[in-house]
Protein backbone atom coordinates (compact mmCIF):
# COMPACT_ATOMS: atom_id res chain seq x y z
CA UNK A 1 60.09 144.25 103.64
CA UNK A 2 61.93 145.29 100.53
CA UNK A 3 65.44 146.60 100.52
CA UNK A 4 66.40 149.52 98.40
CA UNK A 5 69.38 148.98 96.16
CA UNK A 6 72.41 150.66 97.59
CA UNK A 7 74.67 151.87 94.85
CA UNK A 8 77.81 153.85 95.28
CA UNK A 9 77.42 157.21 96.87
CA UNK A 10 77.83 160.09 94.39
CA UNK A 11 81.00 162.10 94.83
CA UNK A 12 80.61 165.46 96.54
CA UNK A 13 81.10 168.42 94.19
CA UNK A 14 82.08 171.65 95.98
CA UNK A 15 79.75 174.53 95.10
CA UNK A 16 80.77 178.18 94.78
CA UNK A 17 78.88 181.37 93.89
CA UNK A 18 79.93 183.71 91.08
CA UNK A 19 80.31 187.19 92.61
CA UNK A 20 78.97 188.81 89.42
CA UNK A 21 75.77 186.94 88.55
CA UNK A 22 75.29 185.21 91.95
CA UNK A 23 74.68 181.82 90.30
CA UNK A 24 75.88 178.73 92.13
CA UNK A 25 78.08 176.36 90.15
CA UNK A 26 80.68 173.67 90.69
CA UNK A 27 84.01 174.96 91.94
CA UNK A 28 85.85 173.58 88.88
CA UNK A 29 83.64 175.49 86.44
CA UNK A 30 84.50 178.87 87.96
CA UNK A 31 87.74 180.87 87.94
CA UNK A 32 89.23 181.93 91.26
CA UNK A 33 90.68 185.38 91.79
CA UNK A 34 92.90 185.74 94.81
CA UNK A 35 94.25 188.63 96.83
CA UNK A 36 97.98 188.21 97.27
CA UNK A 37 100.92 190.38 98.26
CA UNK A 38 101.36 191.30 94.57
CA UNK A 39 97.72 192.39 94.30
CA UNK A 40 94.79 190.63 92.67
CA UNK A 41 95.60 187.74 90.34
CA UNK A 42 93.94 184.79 88.62
CA UNK A 43 94.43 181.52 90.48
CA UNK A 44 94.33 178.84 87.78
CA UNK A 45 95.08 176.01 90.21
CA UNK A 46 92.56 177.14 92.81
CA UNK A 47 95.09 176.52 95.56
CA UNK A 48 97.00 179.78 96.03
CA UNK A 49 96.94 181.12 99.58
CA UNK A 50 94.92 184.24 100.25
CA UNK A 51 91.38 185.49 100.16
CA UNK A 52 89.58 184.34 97.04
CA UNK A 53 86.48 185.09 94.99
CA UNK A 54 84.94 183.08 92.16
CA UNK A 55 83.78 184.20 88.70
CA UNK A 56 82.35 182.46 85.64
CA UNK A 57 84.89 182.30 82.79
CA UNK A 58 82.81 184.67 80.63
CA UNK A 59 83.43 188.31 79.75
CA UNK A 60 79.91 189.30 80.79
CA UNK A 61 80.56 188.35 84.42
CA UNK A 62 84.06 189.88 84.41
CA UNK A 63 82.79 193.19 83.00
CA UNK A 64 80.16 193.45 85.73
CA UNK A 65 82.73 192.83 88.45
CA UNK A 66 85.45 195.09 87.09
CA UNK A 67 83.01 197.91 86.30
CA UNK A 68 81.64 198.02 89.84
CA UNK A 69 83.42 197.57 93.12
CA UNK A 70 82.26 193.99 93.76
CA UNK A 71 85.69 192.42 93.34
CA UNK A 72 87.31 194.89 95.72
CA UNK A 73 84.50 194.31 98.20
CA UNK A 74 84.71 190.52 97.95
CA UNK A 75 88.48 190.47 98.33
CA UNK A 76 88.50 193.31 100.89
CA UNK A 77 91.22 195.22 99.08
CA UNK A 78 91.85 198.12 96.71
CA UNK A 79 93.02 197.29 93.20
CA UNK A 80 95.70 199.40 91.56
CA UNK A 81 95.64 200.25 87.85
CA UNK A 82 98.28 197.63 87.03
CA UNK A 83 96.13 194.83 88.51
CA UNK A 84 93.03 196.14 86.75
CA UNK A 85 94.83 196.19 83.37
CA UNK A 86 96.14 192.64 83.90
CA UNK A 87 92.62 191.40 84.67
CA UNK A 88 91.21 193.22 81.64
CA UNK A 89 93.85 191.57 79.44
CA UNK A 90 92.91 188.15 80.85
CA UNK A 91 89.22 188.93 80.33
CA UNK A 92 89.87 189.58 76.63
CA UNK A 93 90.89 185.93 76.21
CA UNK A 94 87.56 184.63 77.57
CA UNK A 95 84.36 183.91 75.59
CA UNK A 96 81.75 186.70 75.56
CA UNK A 97 79.04 184.72 77.37
CA UNK A 98 77.90 181.19 78.10
CA UNK A 99 75.70 181.20 74.99
CA UNK A 100 78.62 182.30 72.80
CA UNK A 101 80.81 179.60 74.33
CA UNK A 102 78.20 176.90 73.67
CA UNK A 103 77.73 178.10 70.08
CA UNK A 104 81.50 178.01 69.52
CA UNK A 105 81.73 174.47 70.92
CA UNK A 106 78.88 173.25 68.71
CA UNK A 107 80.47 174.83 65.61
CA UNK A 108 83.78 173.13 66.39
CA UNK A 109 82.01 169.78 66.81
CA UNK A 110 80.17 170.20 63.50
CA UNK A 111 83.29 171.16 61.55
CA UNK A 112 85.57 168.50 63.05
CA UNK A 113 86.53 165.82 60.52
CA UNK A 114 84.75 162.53 60.99
CA UNK A 115 86.85 159.64 62.28
CA UNK A 116 88.11 157.27 59.62
CA UNK A 117 86.07 154.11 59.46
CA UNK A 118 87.84 150.78 58.89
CA UNK A 119 86.34 148.50 56.29
């Protein structure tokens, strides 16, 4: 009887679902929004206490969520205008879509200076 090679077990990657596009992705690739006493805020560390919801870091997903009531439904709260404006300001710093982000990364890689080669 042959034995199968037993390598190291792959590390578990927590999966979360984007509330806008409903695609499942790794927890670290999504941004967490959390309901707190101050209202709705972006949780960069992913460890703030409170009810949370996950979004892709792309404007297309954020626009869908902020336009409809999905974020309020997911967090079970009502957003005030101040929170909405803060989230819109944060959204403006994000890439338009995944395709735009990939194109930007490839352009940066192509224009980066080549490493100096020792002779």
